[in-house]
């Protein structure tokens, strides 16, 4: 007896296929998994064709490193954006305060 709330999808990474379960009511998650699998597959193929002599495990190690670096860069950018947003809010508050005193 299966879980009707789950959808089993198959994705291909490198030379292998994998099954994954995702919530049926979350099509975004399925889309993101398929999109990520395509990115990994494309990068895997690129590594295998451009870096002759690499074993598949080496390609996956390089992929993991590359994607981890990108993730860190995105986290850093997000933190910087939060700092800028806070400073903009502070400036807006100062401007509002200054404008309210001008009219008095």
PDB file of N, CA and C in Angstrom:
ATOM      1  N   UNK A   1       0.839  -1.179   0.000  1.00  0.00           N
ATOM      2  CA  UNK A   1       0.000   0.000   0.000  1.00  0.00           C
ATOM      3  C   UNK A   1       0.883   1.241   0.000  1.00  0.00           C
ATOM      4  N   UNK A   2       0.778   2.083  -1.055  1.00  0.00           N
ATOM      5  CA  UNK A   2       1.641   3.245  -1.216  1.00  0.00           C
ATOM      6  C   UNK A   2       1.078   4.477  -0.528  1.00  0.00           C
ATOM      7  N   UNK A   3       1.903   5.463  -0.425  1.00  0.00           N
ATOM      8  CA  UNK A   3       1.528   6.742   0.164  1.00  0.00           C
ATOM      9  C   UNK A   3       1.051   7.640  -0.970  1.00  0.00           C
ATOM     10  N   UNK A   4      -0.274   7.910  -1.001  1.00  0.00           N
ATOM     11  CA  UNK A   4      -0.850   8.710  -2.088  1.00  0.00           C
ATOM     12  C   UNK A   4      -0.432  10.173  -2.045  1.00  0.00           C
ATOM     13  N   UNK A   5       0.139  10.622  -0.924  1.00  0.00           N
ATOM     14  CA  UNK A   5       0.565  12.012  -0.831  1.00  0.00           C
ATOM     15  C   UNK A   5       1.928  12.222  -1.474  1.00  0.00           C
ATOM     16  N   UNK A   6       2.583  11.132  -1.839  1.00  0.00           N
ATOM     17  CA  UNK A   6       3.927  11.202  -2.426  1.00  0.00           C
ATOM     18  C   UNK A   6       3.891  10.823  -3.903  1.00  0.00           C
ATOM     19  N   UNK A   7       4.736  11.474  -4.648  1.00  0.00           N
ATOM     20  CA  UNK A   7       4.930  11.174  -6.063  1.00  0.00           C
ATOM     21  C   UNK A   7       6.361  10.686  -6.219  1.00  0.00           C
ATOM     22  N   UNK A   8       6.530   9.539  -6.854  1.00  0.00           N
ATOM     23  CA  UNK A   8       7.871   9.005  -7.078  1.00  0.00           C
ATOM     24  C   UNK A   8       8.336   9.482  -8.445  1.00  0.00           C
ATOM     25  N   UNK A   9       9.468  10.168  -8.462  1.00  0.00           N
ATOM     26  CA  UNK A   9      10.035  10.641  -9.719  1.00  0.00           C
ATOM     27  C   UNK A   9      11.382   9.968  -9.926  1.00  0.00           C
ATOM     28  N   UNK A  10      11.783   9.867 -11.180  1.00  0.00           N
ATOM     29  CA  UNK A  10      13.077   9.279 -11.508  1.00  0.00           C
ATOM     30  C   UNK A  10      13.930  10.362 -12.137  1.00  0.00           C
ATOM     31  N   UNK A  11      15.158  10.442 -11.659  1.00  0.00           N
ATOM     32  CA  UNK A  11      16.099  11.406 -12.228  1.00  0.00           C
ATOM     33  C   UNK A  11      17.379  10.669 -12.587  1.00  0.00           C
ATOM     34  N   UNK A  12      18.099  11.207 -13.549  1.00  0.00           N
ATOM     35  CA  UNK A  12      19.353  10.608 -13.973  1.00  0.00           C
ATOM     36  C   UNK A  12      20.496  11.536 -13.589  1.00  0.00           C
ATOM     37  N   UNK A  13      21.477  10.964 -12.910  1.00  0.00           N
ATOM     38  CA  UNK A  13      22.696  11.687 -12.557  1.00  0.00           C
ATOM     39  C   UNK A  13      23.860  10.864 -13.073  1.00  0.00           C
ATOM     40  N   UNK A  14      24.590  11.429 -13.989  1.00  0.00           N
ATOM     41  CA  UNK A  14      25.684  10.676 -14.583  1.00  0.00           C
ATOM     42  C   UNK A  14      25.148   9.490 -15.351  1.00  0.00           C
ATOM     43  N   UNK A  15      25.641   8.337 -15.016  1.00  0.00           N
ATOM     44  CA  UNK A  15      25.235   7.115 -15.714  1.00  0.00           C
ATOM     45  C   UNK A  15      24.143   6.346 -14.967  1.00  0.00           C
ATOM     46  N   UNK A  16      23.647   6.904 -13.870  1.00  0.00           N
ATOM     47  CA  UNK A  16      22.683   6.175 -13.048  1.00  0.00           C
ATOM     48  C   UNK A  16      21.364   6.916 -12.916  1.00  0.00           C
ATOM     49  N   UNK A  17      20.319   6.121 -12.683  1.00  0.00           N
ATOM     50  CA  UNK A  17      19.008   6.691 -12.414  1.00  0.00           C
ATOM     51  C   UNK A  17      18.674   6.479 -10.952  1.00  0.00           C
ATOM     52  N   UNK A  18      17.970   7.462 -10.381  1.00  0.00           N
ATOM     53  CA  UNK A  18      17.583   7.418  -8.974  1.00  0.00           C
ATOM     54  C   UNK A  18      16.102   7.717  -8.847  1.00  0.00           C
ATOM     55  N   UNK A  19      15.468   7.099  -7.870  1.00  0.00           N
ATOM     56  CA  UNK A  19      14.070   7.386  -7.546  1.00  0.00           C
ATOM     57  C   UNK A  19      14.041   8.296  -6.330  1.00  0.00           C
ATOM     58  N   UNK A  20      13.130   9.251  -6.373  1.00  0.00           N
ATOM     59  CA  UNK A  20      12.947  10.162  -5.246  1.00  0.00           C
ATOM     60  C   UNK A  20      11.458  10.345  -5.023  1.00  0.00           C
ATOM     61  N   UNK A  21      11.088  10.542  -3.784  1.00  0.00           N
ATOM     62  CA  UNK A  21       9.694  10.829  -3.447  1.00  0.00           C
ATOM     63  C   UNK A  21       9.557  12.310  -3.128  1.00  0.00           C
ATOM     64  N   UNK A  22       8.517  12.906  -3.688  1.00  0.00           N
ATOM     65  CA  UNK A  22       8.210  14.302  -3.387  1.00  0.00           C
ATOM     66  C   UNK A  22       6.724  14.401  -3.066  1.00  0.00           C
ATOM     67  N   UNK A  23       6.374  15.412  -2.293  1.00  0.00           N
ATOM     68  CA  UNK A  23       4.967  15.631  -1.976  1.00  0.00           C
ATOM     69  C   UNK A  23       4.206  16.012  -3.238  1.00  0.00           C
ATOM     70  N   UNK A  24       3.068  15.366  -3.447  1.00  0.00           N
ATOM     71  CA  UNK A  24       2.249  15.672  -4.625  1.00  0.00           C
ATOM     72  C   UNK A  24       1.776  17.123  -4.632  1.00  0.00           C
ATOM     73  N   UNK A  25       1.563  17.679  -3.452  1.00  0.00           N
ATOM     74  CA  UNK A  25       1.035  19.041  -3.376  1.00  0.00           C
ATOM     75  C   UNK A  25       2.127  20.106  -3.412  1.00  0.00           C
ATOM     76  N   UNK A  26       3.347  19.696  -3.803  1.00  0.00           N
ATOM     77  CA  UNK A  26       4.449  20.653  -3.902  1.00  0.00           C
ATOM     78  C   UNK A  26       5.151  20.512  -5.260  1.00  0.00           C
ATOM     79  N   UNK A  27       4.481  20.973  -6.331  1.00  0.00           N
ATOM     80  CA  UNK A  27       5.089  20.847  -7.657  1.00  0.00           C
ATOM     81  C   UNK A  27       6.383  21.640  -7.811  1.00  0.00           C
ATOM     82  N   UNK A  28       6.547  22.677  -7.012  1.00  0.00           N
ATOM     83  CA  UNK A  28       7.782  23.463  -7.074  1.00  0.00           C
ATOM     84  C   UNK A  28       8.973  22.605  -6.674  1.00  0.00           C
ATOM     85  N   UNK A  29       8.806  21.788  -5.658  1.00  0.00           N
ATOM     86  CA  UNK A  29       9.897  20.915  -5.200  1.00  0.00           C
ATOM     87  C   UNK A  29      10.283  19.938  -6.314  1.00  0.00           C
ATOM     88  N   UNK A  30       9.292  19.347  -6.964  1.00  0.00           N
ATOM     89  CA  UNK A  30       9.586  18.426  -8.068  1.00  0.00           C
ATOM     90  C   UNK A  30      10.329  19.160  -9.176  1.00  0.00           C
ATOM     91  N   UNK A  31       9.857  20.342  -9.518  1.00  0.00           N
ATOM     92  CA  UNK A  31      10.496  21.147 -10.567  1.00  0.00           C
ATOM     93  C   UNK A  31      11.949  21.446 -10.194  1.00  0.00           C
ATOM     94  N   UNK A  32      12.175  21.843  -8.940  1.00  0.00           N
ATOM     95  CA  UNK A  32      13.526  22.180  -8.500  1.00  0.00           C
ATOM     96  C   UNK A  32      14.449  20.967  -8.512  1.00  0.00           C
ATOM     97  N   UNK A  33      13.937  19.818  -8.127  1.00  0.00           N
ATOM     98  CA  UNK A  33      14.744  18.597  -8.157  1.00  0.00           C
ATOM     99  C   UNK A  33      15.130  18.257  -9.592  1.00  0.00           C
ATOM    100  N   UNK A  34      14.160  18.311 -10.487  1.00  0.00           N
ATOM    101  CA  UNK A  34      14.442  17.998 -11.898  1.00  0.00           C
ATOM    102  C   UNK A  34      15.425  19.010 -12.503  1.00  0.00           C
ATOM    103  N   UNK A  35      15.241  20.278 -12.164  1.00  0.00           N
ATOM    104  CA  UNK A  35      16.137  21.321 -12.669  1.00  0.00           C
ATOM    105  C   UNK A  35      17.554  21.114 -12.130  1.00  0.00           C
ATOM    106  N   UNK A  36      17.664  20.813 -10.835  1.00  0.00           N
ATOM    107  CA  UNK A  36      18.971  20.561 -10.227  1.00  0.00           C
ATOM    108  C   UNK A  36      19.629  19.335 -10.854  1.00  0.00           C
ATOM    109  N   UNK A  37      18.848  18.291 -11.090  1.00  0.00           N
ATOM    110  CA  UNK A  37      19.389  17.077 -11.708  1.00  0.00           C
ATOM    111  C   UNK A  37      19.918  17.380 -13.109  1.00  0.00           C
ATOM    112  N   UNK A  38      19.217  18.236 -13.841  1.00  0.00           N
ATOM    113  CA  UNK A  38      19.681  18.611 -15.184  1.00  0.00           C
ATOM    114  C   UNK A  38      20.991  19.387 -15.100  1.00  0.00           C
ATOM    115  N   UNK A  39      21.077  20.316 -14.154  1.00  0.00           N
ATOM    116  CA  UNK A  39      22.308  21.093 -13.985  1.00  0.00           C
ATOM    117  C   UNK A  39      23.469  20.169 -13.639  1.00  0.00           C
ATOM    118  N   UNK A  40      23.239  19.270 -12.687  1.00  0.00           N
ATOM    119  CA  UNK A  40      24.291  18.323 -12.291  1.00  0.00           C
ATOM    120  C   UNK A  40      24.681  17.445 -13.478  1.00  0.00           C
ATOM    121  N   UNK A  41      23.688  16.953 -14.196  1.00  0.00           N
ATOM    122  CA  UNK A  41      23.968  16.100 -15.358  1.00  0.00           C
ATOM    123  C   UNK A  41      24.774  16.823 -16.423  1.00  0.00           C
ATOM    124  N   UNK A  42      24.398  18.062 -16.700  1.00  0.00           N
ATOM    125  CA  UNK A  42      25.118  18.849 -17.709  1.00  0.00           C
ATOM    126  C   UNK A  42      26.558  19.127 -17.268  1.00  0.00           C
ATOM    127  N   UNK A  43      26.724  19.494 -16.002  1.00  0.00           N
ATOM    128  CA  UNK A  43      28.073  19.767 -15.496  1.00  0.00           C
ATOM    129  C   UNK A  43      28.916  18.493 -15.449  1.00  0.00           C
ATOM    130  N   UNK A  44      28.290  17.394 -15.098  1.00  0.00           N
ATOM    131  CA  UNK A  44      28.984  16.105 -15.076  1.00  0.00           C
ATOM    132  C   UNK A  44      29.511  15.791 -16.480  1.00  0.00           C
ATOM    133  N   UNK A  45      28.658  15.938 -17.479  1.00  0.00           N
ATOM    134  CA  UNK A  45      29.060  15.680 -18.865  1.00  0.00           C
ATOM    135  C   UNK A  45      30.196  16.609 -19.273  1.00  0.00           C
ATOM    136  N   UNK A  46      30.098  17.880 -18.883  1.00  0.00           N
ATOM    137  CA  UNK A  46      31.152  18.850 -19.197  1.00  0.00           C
ATOM    138  C   UNK A  46      32.479  18.421 -18.574  1.00  0.00           C
ATOM    139  N   UNK A  47      32.465  18.057 -17.292  1.00  0.00           N
ATOM    140  CA  UNK A  47      33.694  17.614 -16.627  1.00  0.00           C
ATOM    141  C   UNK A  47      34.266  16.365 -17.295  1.00  0.00           C
ATOM    142  N   UNK A  48      33.398  15.422 -17.621  1.00  0.00           N
ATOM    143  CA  UNK A  48      33.870  14.164 -18.205  1.00  0.00           C
ATOM    144  C   UNK A  48      34.481  14.383 -19.592  1.00  0.00           C
ATOM    145  N   UNK A  49      33.965  15.359 -20.337  1.00  0.00           N
ATOM    146  CA  UNK A  49      34.480  15.582 -21.685  1.00  0.00           C
ATOM    147  C   UNK A  49      35.668  16.538 -21.722  1.00  0.00           C
ATOM    148  N   UNK A  50      35.721  17.487 -20.797  1.00  0.00           N
ATOM    149  CA  UNK A  50      36.803  18.473 -20.846  1.00  0.00           C
ATOM    150  C   UNK A  50      38.003  18.094 -19.996  1.00  0.00           C
ATOM    151  N   UNK A  51      37.816  17.251 -19.036  1.00  0.00           N
ATOM    152  CA  UNK A  51      38.918  16.850 -18.154  1.00  0.00           C
ATOM    153  C   UNK A  51      39.165  15.360 -18.312  1.00  0.00           C
ATOM    154  N   UNK A  52      39.852  15.035 -19.365  1.00  0.00           N
ATOM    155  CA  UNK A  52      40.129  13.639 -19.687  1.00  0.00           C
ATOM    156  C   UNK A  52      40.851  12.942 -18.540  1.00  0.00           C
ATOM    157  N   UNK A  53      40.494  11.711 -18.300  1.00  0.00           N
ATOM    158  CA  UNK A  53      41.171  10.914 -17.294  1.00  0.00           C
ATOM    159  C   UNK A  53      40.542  10.975 -15.917  1.00  0.00           C
ATOM    160  N   UNK A  54      39.529  11.812 -15.746  1.00  0.00           N
ATOM    161  CA  UNK A  54      38.868  11.871 -14.440  1.00  0.00           C
ATOM    162  C   UNK A  54      37.922  10.686 -14.287  1.00  0.00           C
ATOM    163  N   UNK A  55      37.890  10.155 -13.101  1.00  0.00           N
ATOM    164  CA  UNK A  55      36.911   9.122 -12.768  1.00  0.00           C
ATOM    165  C   UNK A  55      35.590   9.814 -12.440  1.00  0.00           C
ATOM    166  N   UNK A  56      34.472   9.120 -12.606  1.00  0.00           N
ATOM    167  CA  UNK A  56      33.177   9.749 -12.277  1.00  0.00           C
ATOM    168  C   UNK A  56      33.135  10.322 -10.859  1.00  0.00           C
ATOM    169  N   UNK A  57      33.725   9.628  -9.898  1.00  0.00           N
ATOM    170  CA  UNK A  57      33.702  10.125  -8.524  1.00  0.00           C
ATOM    171  C   UNK A  57      34.443  11.459  -8.400  1.00  0.00           C
ATOM    172  N   UNK A  58      35.492  11.630  -9.217  1.00  0.00           N
ATOM    173  CA  UNK A  58      36.220  12.905  -9.220  1.00  0.00           C
ATOM    174  C   UNK A  58      35.342  14.025  -9.764  1.00  0.00           C
ATOM    175  N   UNK A  59      34.576  13.709 -10.793  1.00  0.00           N
ATOM    176  CA  UNK A  59      33.656  14.709 -11.361  1.00  0.00           C
ATOM    177  C   UNK A  59      32.632  15.142 -10.323  1.00  0.00           C
ATOM    178  N   UNK A  60      32.089  14.179  -9.596  1.00  0.00           N
ATOM    179  CA  UNK A  60      31.106  14.513  -8.572  1.00  0.00           C
ATOM    180  C   UNK A  60      31.736  15.316  -7.438  1.00  0.00           C
ATOM    181  N   UNK A  61      32.971  15.006  -7.085  1.00  0.00           N
ATOM    182  CA  UNK A  61      33.666  15.776  -6.046  1.00  0.00           C
ATOM    183  C   UNK A  61      33.846  17.224  -6.502  1.00  0.00           C
ATOM    184  N   UNK A  62      34.263  17.415  -7.752  1.00  0.00           N
ATOM    185  CA  UNK A  62      34.426  18.772  -8.283  1.00  0.00           C
ATOM    186  C   UNK A  62      33.090  19.504  -8.362  1.00  0.00           C
ATOM    187  N   UNK A  63      32.036  18.774  -8.744  1.00  0.00           N
ATOM    188  CA  UNK A  63      30.697  19.361  -8.792  1.00  0.00           C
ATOM    189  C   UNK A  63      30.250  19.801  -7.402  1.00  0.00           C
ATOM    190  N   UNK A  64      30.475  18.950  -6.413  1.00  0.00           N
ATOM    191  CA  UNK A  64      30.075  19.282  -5.042  1.00  0.00           C
ATOM    192  C   UNK A  64      30.807  20.530  -4.570  1.00  0.00           C
ATOM    193  N   UNK A  65      32.086  20.600  -4.868  1.00  0.00           N
ATOM    194  CA  UNK A  65      32.870  21.769  -4.478  1.00  0.00           C
ATOM    195  C   UNK A  65      32.359  23.023  -5.183  1.00  0.00           C
ATOM    196  N   UNK A  66      32.179  22.944  -6.494  1.00  0.00           N
ATOM    197  CA  UNK A  66      31.712  24.094  -7.267  1.00  0.00           C
ATOM    198  C   UNK A  66      30.362  24.594  -6.759  1.00  0.00           C
ATOM    199  N   UNK A  67      29.441  23.677  -6.519  1.00  0.00           N
ATOM    200  CA  UNK A  67      28.108  24.071  -6.081  1.00  0.00           C
ATOM    201  C   UNK A  67      28.122  24.585  -4.643  1.00  0.00           C
ATOM    202  N   UNK A  68      29.004  24.049  -3.824  1.00  0.00           N
ATOM    203  CA  UNK A  68      29.125  24.548  -2.447  1.00  0.00           C
ATOM    204  C   UNK A  68      29.650  25.978  -2.442  1.00  0.00           C
ATOM    205  N   UNK A  69      30.622  26.260  -3.297  1.00  0.00           N
ATOM    206  CA  UNK A  69      31.150  27.626  -3.406  1.00  0.00           C
ATOM    207  C   UNK A  69      30.044  28.577  -3.849  1.00  0.00           C
ATOM    208  N   UNK A  70      29.251  28.173  -4.850  1.00  0.00           N
ATOM    209  CA  UNK A  70      28.154  29.024  -5.320  1.00  0.00           C
ATOM    210  C   UNK A  70      27.128  29.244  -4.215  1.00  0.00           C
ATOM    211  N   UNK A  71      26.851  28.205  -3.435  1.00  0.00           N
ATOM    212  CA  UNK A  71      25.908  28.332  -2.329  1.00  0.00           C
ATOM    213  C   UNK A  71      26.416  29.336  -1.295  1.00  0.00           C
ATOM    214  N   UNK A  72      27.696  29.255  -0.963  1.00  0.00           N
ATOM    215  CA  UNK A  72      28.288  30.194  -0.005  1.00  0.00           C
ATOM    216  C   UNK A  72      28.221  31.616  -0.552  1.00  0.00           C
ATOM    217  N   UNK A  73      28.512  31.778  -1.849  1.00  0.00           N
ATOM    218  CA  UNK A  73      28.449  33.103  -2.466  1.00  0.00           C
ATOM    219  C   UNK A  73      27.033  33.666  -2.392  1.00  0.00           C
ATOM    220  N   UNK A  74      26.032  32.821  -2.632  1.00  0.00           N
ATOM    221  CA  UNK A  74      24.640  33.271  -2.557  1.00  0.00           C
ATOM    222  C   UNK A  74      24.252  33.642  -1.131  1.00  0.00           C
ATOM    223  N   UNK A  75      24.710  32.861  -0.159  1.00  0.00           N
ATOM    224  CA  UNK A  75      24.424  33.167   1.242  1.00  0.00           C
ATOM    225  C   UNK A  75      25.059  34.494   1.628  1.00  0.00           C
ATOM    226  N   UNK A  76      26.291  34.702   1.198  1.00  0.00           N
ATOM    227  CA  UNK A  76      26.997  35.944   1.502  1.00  0.00           C
ATOM    228  C   UNK A  76      26.279  37.127   0.868  1.00  0.00           C
ATOM    229  N   UNK A  77      25.867  36.960  -0.388  1.00  0.00           N
ATOM    230  CA  UNK A  77      25.155  38.027  -1.086  1.00  0.00           C
ATOM    231  C   UNK A  77      23.845  38.332  -0.369  1.00  0.00           C
ATOM    232  N   UNK A  78      23.147  37.291   0.076  1.00  0.00           N
ATOM    233  CA  UNK A  78      21.890  37.471   0.783  1.00  0.00           C
ATOM    234  C   UNK A  78      22.103  38.229   2.089  1.00  0.00           C
ATOM    235  N   UNK A  79      23.168  37.889   2.813  1.00  0.00           N
ATOM    236  CA  UNK A  79      23.467  38.591   4.065  1.00  0.00           C
ATOM    237  C   UNK A  79      23.802  40.050   3.791  1.00  0.00           C
ATOM    238  N   UNK A  80      24.542  40.315   2.728  1.00  0.00           N
ATOM    239  CA  UNK A  80      24.884  41.692   2.366  1.00  0.00           C
ATOM    240  C   UNK A  80      23.630  42.469   1.994  1.00  0.00           C
ATOM    241  N   UNK A  81      22.712  41.814   1.284  1.00  0.00           N
ATOM    242  CA  UNK A  81      21.467  42.478   0.904  1.00  0.00           C
ATOM    243  C   UNK A  81      20.638  42.820   2.139  1.00  0.00           C
ATOM    244  N   UNK A  82      20.649  41.943   3.145  1.00  0.00           N
ATOM    245  CA  UNK A  82      19.915  42.225   4.386  1.00  0.00           C
ATOM    246  C   UNK A  82      20.507  43.432   5.094  1.00  0.00           C
ATOM    247  N   UNK A  83      21.825  43.537   5.107  1.00  0.00           N
ATOM    248  CA  UNK A  83      22.488  44.683   5.736  1.00  0.00           C
ATOM    249  C   UNK A  83      22.115  45.968   4.998  1.00  0.00           C
ATOM    250  N   UNK A  84      22.150  45.925   3.676  1.00  0.00           N
ATOM    251  CA  UNK A  84      21.794  47.104   2.875  1.00  0.00           C
ATOM    252  C   UNK A  84      20.336  47.477   3.100  1.00  0.00           C
ATOM    253  N   UNK A  85      19.463  46.473   3.146  1.00  0.00           N
ATOM    254  CA  UNK A  85      18.038  46.732   3.371  1.00  0.00           C
ATOM    255  C   UNK A  85      17.821  47.403   4.732  1.00  0.00           C
ATOM    256  N   UNK A  86      18.514  46.926   5.755  1.00  0.00           N
ATOM    257  CA  UNK A  86      18.390  47.528   7.090  1.00  0.00           C
ATOM    258  C   UNK A  86      18.865  48.974   7.077  1.00  0.00           C
ATOM    259  N   UNK A  87      19.986  49.233   6.405  1.00  0.00           N
ATOM    260  CA  UNK A  87      20.507  50.604   6.325  1.00  0.00           C
ATOM    261  C   UNK A  87      19.535  51.511   5.571  1.00  0.00           C
ATOM    262  N   UNK A  88      18.910  50.987   4.515  1.00  0.00           N
ATOM    263  CA  UNK A  88      17.927  51.780   3.773  1.00  0.00           C
ATOM    264  C   UNK A  88      16.719  52.107   4.644  1.00  0.00           C
ATOM    265  N   UNK A  89      16.293  51.124   5.438  1.00  0.00           N
ATOM    266  CA  UNK A  89      15.169  51.365   6.351  1.00  0.00           C
ATOM    267  C   UNK A  89      15.527  52.432   7.380  1.00  0.00           C
ATOM    268  N   UNK A  90      16.769  52.389   7.883  1.00  0.00           N
ATOM    269  CA  UNK A  90      17.224  53.402   8.845  1.00  0.00           C
ATOM    270  C   UNK A  90      17.242  54.784   8.196  1.00  0.00           C
ATOM    271  N   UNK A  91      17.738  54.851   6.955  1.00  0.00           N
ATOM    272  CA  UNK A  91      17.763  56.130   6.237  1.00  0.00           C
ATOM    273  C   UNK A  91      16.354  56.657   5.995  1.00  0.00           C
ATOM    274  N   UNK A  92      15.457  55.761   5.630  1.00  0.00           N
ATOM    275  CA  UNK A  92      14.074  56.163   5.397  1.00  0.00           C
ATOM    276  C   UNK A  92      13.458  56.719   6.682  1.00  0.00           C
ATOM    277  N   UNK A  93      13.751  56.086   7.799  1.00  0.00           N
ATOM    278  CA  UNK A  93      13.250  56.554   9.088  1.00  0.00           C
ATOM    279  C   UNK A  93      13.817  57.933   9.418  1.00  0.00           C
ATOM    280  N   UNK A  94      15.109  58.129   9.167  1.00  0.00           N
ATOM    281  CA  UNK A  94      15.740  59.426   9.421  1.00  0.00           C
ATOM    282  C   UNK A  94      15.137  60.513   8.526  1.00  0.00           C
ATOM    283  N   UNK A  95      14.890  60.177   7.281  1.00  0.00           N
ATOM    284  CA  UNK A  95      14.293  61.137   6.346  1.00  0.00           C
ATOM    285  C   UNK A  95      12.880  61.494   6.795  1.00  0.00           C
ATOM    286  N   UNK A  96      12.098  60.476   7.166  1.00  0.00           N
ATOM    287  CA  UNK A  96      10.739  60.725   7.651  1.00  0.00           C
ATOM    288  C   UNK A  96      10.761  61.619   8.889  1.00  0.00           C
ATOM    289  N   UNK A  97      11.710  61.343   9.788  1.00  0.00           N
ATOM    290  CA  UNK A  97      11.821  62.132  11.015  1.00  0.00           C
ATOM    291  C   UNK A  97      12.190  63.587  10.691  1.00  0.00           C
ATOM    292  N   UNK A  98      13.144  63.757   9.784  1.00  0.00           N
ATOM    293  CA  UNK A  98      13.573  65.102   9.384  1.00  0.00           C
ATOM    294  C   UNK A  98      12.438  65.856   8.707  1.00  0.00           C
ATOM    295  N   UNK A  99      11.691  65.195   7.861  1.00  0.00           N
ATOM    296  CA  UNK A  99      10.586  65.834   7.152  1.00  0.00           C
ATOM    297  C   UNK A  99       9.454  66.224   8.115  1.00  0.00           C
ATOM    298  N   UNK A 100       9.249  65.400   9.127  1.00  0.00           N
ATOM    299  CA  UNK A 100       8.172  65.714  10.075  1.00  0.00           C
ATOM    300  C   UNK A 100       8.519  66.936  10.933  1.00  0.00           C
ATOM    301  N   UNK A 101       9.802  67.169  11.184  1.00  0.00           N
ATOM    302  CA  UNK A 101      10.197  68.337  11.982  1.00  0.00           C
ATOM    303  C   UNK A 101      10.220  69.603  11.136  1.00  0.00           C
ATOM    304  N   UNK A 102      10.399  69.480   9.830  1.00  0.00           N
ATOM    305  CA  UNK A 102      10.436  70.645   8.933  1.00  0.00           C
ATOM    306  C   UNK A 102       9.067  71.300   8.877  1.00  0.00           C
ATOM    307  N   UNK A 103       8.051  70.504   8.879  1.00  0.00           N
ATOM    308  CA  UNK A 103       6.681  71.040   8.750  1.00  0.00           C
ATOM    309  C   UNK A 103       6.177  71.692  10.003  1.00  0.00           C
ATOM    310  N   UNK A 104       6.886  71.608  11.108  1.00  0.00           N
ATOM    311  CA  UNK A 104       6.398  72.160  12.384  1.00  0.00           C
ATOM    312  C   UNK A 104       6.885  73.548  12.615  1.00  0.00           C
TER     313      UNK A 104
END
